[in-house]
Amino acid sequence: MNDIISQFLPIFFVTLGVFVLFFLFMGIGYLVKKQPLKGSCGGVANLMGDEYCQFCGNDPNKCENNNDFDKATQAKAKNLSKPA
C-alpha cells in the first residue's frame, strides 16, 4: 500500500503543478490583453470535419464585423464604468 502511494504522489504533484502553471499563464495573458478567450471562425469544427461555421455562415467579413461590434461594445462599457 505504501508503495502505491509513493508512486502516486509525484505524479499527482507534477500534474497539479502543470495545471497551476496553465491557469497562471492564462491569467497573465488575460491581464496583459484585457480580452477574454475567443475562438476562430470555424475553429475546432473545421478539424472535426464540419466545414460550416455556425456563427458567421463561412463569411469571414461577418466575423470581422462582429469583432468591430465587440470593440464598440467594449468602448461603451468602458465609458460607463467607474474608475477603480
N, C-alpha and C. Protein backbone atom coordinates (compact mmCIF):
# COMPACT_ATOMS: atom_id res chain seq x y z
N MET A 1 0.83 -1.20 0.00
CA MET A 1 0.00 0.00 0.00
C MET A 1 0.87 1.25 0.00
N ASN A 2 1.91 1.25 0.81
CA ASN A 2 2.81 2.40 0.90
C ASN A 2 3.53 2.62 -0.42
N ASP A 3 3.82 1.53 -1.15
CA ASP A 3 4.50 1.62 -2.44
C ASP A 3 3.62 2.31 -3.47
N ILE A 4 2.32 2.04 -3.42
CA ILE A 4 1.39 2.67 -4.36
C ILE A 4 1.32 4.17 -4.10
N ILE A 5 1.27 4.56 -2.85
CA ILE A 5 1.20 5.98 -2.50
C ILE A 5 2.49 6.69 -2.91
N SER A 6 3.63 6.05 -2.70
CA SER A 6 4.90 6.68 -3.06
C SER A 6 5.05 6.84 -4.57
N GLN A 7 4.35 6.02 -5.37
CA GLN A 7 4.36 6.18 -6.82
C GLN A 7 3.33 7.21 -7.27
N PHE A 8 2.24 7.31 -6.55
CA PHE A 8 1.14 8.20 -6.93
C PHE A 8 1.46 9.66 -6.64
N LEU A 9 2.07 9.95 -5.49
CA LEU A 9 2.27 11.34 -5.08
C LEU A 9 3.11 12.16 -6.06
N PRO A 10 4.25 11.67 -6.57
CA PRO A 10 5.00 12.50 -7.53
C PRO A 10 4.20 12.81 -8.80
N ILE A 11 3.47 11.83 -9.30
CA ILE A 11 2.66 12.05 -10.50
C ILE A 11 1.57 13.07 -10.20
N PHE A 12 0.95 12.96 -9.03
CA PHE A 12 -0.10 13.90 -8.64
C PHE A 12 0.44 15.32 -8.56
N PHE A 13 1.59 15.51 -7.93
CA PHE A 13 2.13 16.85 -7.78
C PHE A 13 2.63 17.45 -9.09
N VAL A 14 3.17 16.63 -9.97
CA VAL A 14 3.57 17.12 -11.30
C VAL A 14 2.33 17.56 -12.07
N THR A 15 1.29 16.75 -12.03
CA THR A 15 0.05 17.10 -12.73
C THR A 15 -0.56 18.37 -12.14
N LEU A 16 -0.60 18.47 -10.84
CA LEU A 16 -1.12 19.66 -10.18
C LEU A 16 -0.30 20.90 -10.57
N GLY A 17 1.02 20.74 -10.60
CA GLY A 17 1.88 21.85 -11.00
C GLY A 17 1.63 22.31 -12.42
N VAL A 18 1.40 21.37 -13.34
CA VAL A 18 1.12 21.72 -14.73
C VAL A 18 -0.19 22.50 -14.81
N PHE A 19 -1.21 22.06 -14.09
CA PHE A 19 -2.49 22.78 -14.09
C PHE A 19 -2.34 24.18 -13.49
N VAL A 20 -1.62 24.30 -12.42
CA VAL A 20 -1.41 25.61 -11.80
C VAL A 20 -0.69 26.54 -12.76
N LEU A 21 0.36 26.05 -13.42
CA LEU A 21 1.07 26.88 -14.40
C LEU A 21 0.16 27.27 -15.56
N PHE A 22 -0.66 26.35 -16.02
CA PHE A 22 -1.59 26.64 -17.11
C PHE A 22 -2.53 27.78 -16.75
N PHE A 23 -3.16 27.69 -15.59
CA PHE A 23 -4.09 28.74 -15.18
C PHE A 23 -3.36 30.04 -14.85
N LEU A 24 -2.16 29.96 -14.34
CA LEU A 24 -1.37 31.16 -14.08
C LEU A 24 -1.05 31.90 -15.38
N PHE A 25 -0.60 31.16 -16.40
CA PHE A 25 -0.30 31.79 -17.68
C PHE A 25 -1.56 32.32 -18.36
N MET A 26 -2.68 31.62 -18.21
CA MET A 26 -3.93 32.15 -18.76
C MET A 26 -4.32 33.45 -18.07
N GLY A 27 -4.14 33.51 -16.78
CA GLY A 27 -4.45 34.73 -16.03
C GLY A 27 -3.55 35.88 -16.43
N ILE A 28 -2.26 35.60 -16.61
CA ILE A 28 -1.33 36.65 -17.03
C ILE A 28 -1.69 37.13 -18.43
N GLY A 29 -2.05 36.20 -19.31
CA GLY A 29 -2.45 36.58 -20.67
C GLY A 29 -3.68 37.45 -20.66
N TYR A 30 -4.63 37.16 -19.77
CA TYR A 30 -5.83 37.99 -19.68
C TYR A 30 -5.48 39.38 -19.15
N LEU A 31 -4.61 39.45 -18.15
CA LEU A 31 -4.24 40.75 -17.60
C LEU A 31 -3.50 41.61 -18.62
N VAL A 32 -2.71 40.99 -19.47
CA VAL A 32 -1.94 41.73 -20.47
C VAL A 32 -2.84 42.22 -21.60
N LYS A 33 -3.70 41.35 -22.12
CA LYS A 33 -4.52 41.70 -23.28
C LYS A 33 -5.86 42.31 -22.92
N LYS A 34 -6.37 42.04 -21.72
CA LYS A 34 -7.68 42.52 -21.28
C LYS A 34 -8.80 42.07 -22.20
N GLN A 35 -8.67 40.89 -22.79
CA GLN A 35 -9.71 40.33 -23.64
C GLN A 35 -9.95 38.88 -23.23
N PRO A 36 -11.20 38.45 -23.22
CA PRO A 36 -11.46 37.04 -22.91
C PRO A 36 -11.03 36.15 -24.08
N LEU A 37 -10.90 34.88 -23.82
CA LEU A 37 -10.56 33.93 -24.87
C LEU A 37 -11.70 33.84 -25.87
N LYS A 38 -11.37 33.71 -27.14
CA LYS A 38 -12.40 33.54 -28.16
C LYS A 38 -11.86 32.62 -29.24
N GLY A 39 -12.77 31.96 -29.89
CA GLY A 39 -12.40 31.01 -30.93
C GLY A 39 -12.25 31.67 -32.27
N SER A 40 -11.72 30.93 -33.21
CA SER A 40 -11.57 31.43 -34.57
C SER A 40 -12.81 31.07 -35.37
N CYS A 41 -12.94 31.59 -36.56
CA CYS A 41 -14.09 31.31 -37.41
C CYS A 41 -14.03 29.85 -37.88
N GLY A 42 -14.89 29.03 -37.35
CA GLY A 42 -14.87 27.62 -37.71
C GLY A 42 -14.09 26.81 -36.70
N GLY A 43 -12.94 27.28 -36.31
CA GLY A 43 -12.10 26.71 -35.28
C GLY A 43 -12.04 25.20 -35.23
N VAL A 44 -12.46 24.63 -34.12
CA VAL A 44 -12.39 23.19 -33.90
C VAL A 44 -13.34 22.45 -34.83
N ALA A 45 -14.41 23.10 -35.24
CA ALA A 45 -15.36 22.45 -36.14
C ALA A 45 -14.67 22.06 -37.44
N ASN A 46 -13.76 22.89 -37.94
CA ASN A 46 -13.03 22.54 -39.16
C ASN A 46 -12.16 21.32 -38.96
N LEU A 47 -11.59 21.17 -37.79
CA LEU A 47 -10.76 20.00 -37.50
C LEU A 47 -11.60 18.73 -37.43
N MET A 48 -12.85 18.86 -36.98
CA MET A 48 -13.72 17.70 -36.82
C MET A 48 -14.46 17.35 -38.11
N GLY A 49 -14.25 18.12 -39.18
CA GLY A 49 -14.87 17.81 -40.45
C GLY A 49 -16.11 18.63 -40.77
N ASP A 50 -16.57 19.46 -39.84
CA ASP A 50 -17.74 20.30 -40.09
C ASP A 50 -17.25 21.60 -40.72
N GLU A 51 -17.50 21.76 -42.00
CA GLU A 51 -16.97 22.91 -42.74
C GLU A 51 -17.76 24.19 -42.52
N TYR A 52 -18.98 24.07 -42.00
CA TYR A 52 -19.86 25.23 -41.88
C TYR A 52 -19.68 25.89 -40.52
N CYS A 53 -19.43 27.20 -40.51
CA CYS A 53 -19.29 27.95 -39.27
C CYS A 53 -20.68 28.40 -38.82
N GLN A 54 -21.09 28.00 -37.63
CA GLN A 54 -22.44 28.31 -37.16
C GLN A 54 -22.61 29.77 -36.77
N PHE A 55 -21.52 30.50 -36.59
CA PHE A 55 -21.62 31.89 -36.15
C PHE A 55 -21.67 32.86 -37.32
N CYS A 56 -20.86 32.63 -38.34
CA CYS A 56 -20.81 33.59 -39.43
C CYS A 56 -21.25 33.01 -40.77
N GLY A 57 -21.57 31.72 -40.82
CA GLY A 57 -22.01 31.11 -42.07
C GLY A 57 -20.92 31.10 -43.13
N ASN A 58 -19.67 30.91 -42.71
CA ASN A 58 -18.48 30.87 -43.59
C ASN A 58 -18.25 32.18 -44.31
N ASP A 59 -18.69 33.29 -43.74
CA ASP A 59 -18.43 34.61 -44.29
C ASP A 59 -17.43 35.32 -43.38
N PRO A 60 -16.12 35.32 -43.74
CA PRO A 60 -15.11 35.92 -42.87
C PRO A 60 -15.36 37.40 -42.60
N ASN A 61 -16.01 38.10 -43.54
CA ASN A 61 -16.29 39.52 -43.33
C ASN A 61 -17.28 39.71 -42.17
N LYS A 62 -18.20 38.77 -42.03
CA LYS A 62 -19.15 38.86 -40.93
C LYS A 62 -18.44 38.69 -39.59
N CYS A 63 -17.44 37.80 -39.55
CA CYS A 63 -16.66 37.64 -38.32
C CYS A 63 -15.92 38.93 -37.99
N GLU A 64 -15.36 39.58 -39.01
CA GLU A 64 -14.67 40.85 -38.78
C GLU A 64 -15.65 41.91 -38.29
N ASN A 65 -16.88 41.93 -38.86
CA ASN A 65 -17.88 42.89 -38.42
C ASN A 65 -18.27 42.64 -36.97
N ASN A 66 -18.36 41.37 -36.59
CA ASN A 66 -18.66 41.04 -35.20
C ASN A 66 -17.55 41.52 -34.28
N ASN A 67 -16.29 41.41 -34.72
CA ASN A 67 -15.17 41.88 -33.91
C ASN A 67 -15.24 43.39 -33.74
N ASP A 68 -15.60 44.11 -34.82
CA ASP A 68 -15.74 45.56 -34.72
C ASP A 68 -16.87 45.92 -33.77
N PHE A 69 -17.98 45.16 -33.84
CA PHE A 69 -19.11 45.39 -32.94
C PHE A 69 -18.69 45.14 -31.50
N ASP A 70 -17.91 44.08 -31.26
CA ASP A 70 -17.44 43.78 -29.91
C ASP A 70 -16.55 44.90 -29.38
N LYS A 71 -15.70 45.45 -30.23
CA LYS A 71 -14.84 46.55 -29.80
C LYS A 71 -15.66 47.79 -29.46
N ALA A 72 -16.70 48.07 -30.25
CA ALA A 72 -17.56 49.22 -29.97
C ALA A 72 -18.30 49.00 -28.65
N THR A 73 -18.75 47.79 -28.41
CA THR A 73 -19.45 47.48 -27.16
C THR A 73 -18.50 47.62 -25.97
N GLN A 74 -17.26 47.18 -26.13
CA GLN A 74 -16.28 47.32 -25.06
C GLN A 74 -15.99 48.78 -24.76
N ALA A 75 -15.93 49.60 -25.81
CA ALA A 75 -15.68 51.03 -25.61
C ALA A 75 -16.84 51.67 -24.85
N LYS A 76 -18.08 51.32 -25.19
CA LYS A 76 -19.24 51.85 -24.48
C LYS A 76 -19.20 51.42 -23.02
N ALA A 77 -18.89 50.15 -22.76
CA ALA A 77 -18.84 49.65 -21.40
C ALA A 77 -17.75 50.35 -20.60
N LYS A 78 -16.63 50.63 -21.24
CA LYS A 78 -15.55 51.31 -20.55
C LYS A 78 -15.95 52.73 -20.18
N ASN A 79 -16.69 53.40 -21.05
CA ASN A 79 -17.16 54.76 -20.75
C ASN A 79 -18.18 54.76 -19.62
N LEU A 80 -18.96 53.71 -19.51
CA LEU A 80 -19.98 53.64 -18.46
C LEU A 80 -19.41 53.21 -17.11
N SER A 81 -18.28 52.54 -17.12
CA SER A 81 -17.73 52.01 -15.87
C SER A 81 -17.10 53.11 -15.03
N LYS A 82 -17.03 52.84 -13.76
CA LYS A 82 -16.44 53.78 -12.81
C LYS A 82 -14.97 53.44 -12.62
N PRO A 83 -14.11 54.44 -12.49
CA PRO A 83 -12.69 54.13 -12.24
C PRO A 83 -12.52 53.48 -10.86
N ALA A 84 -11.56 52.60 -10.78
CA ALA A 84 -11.32 51.88 -9.54
C ALA A 84 -10.51 52.69 -8.56
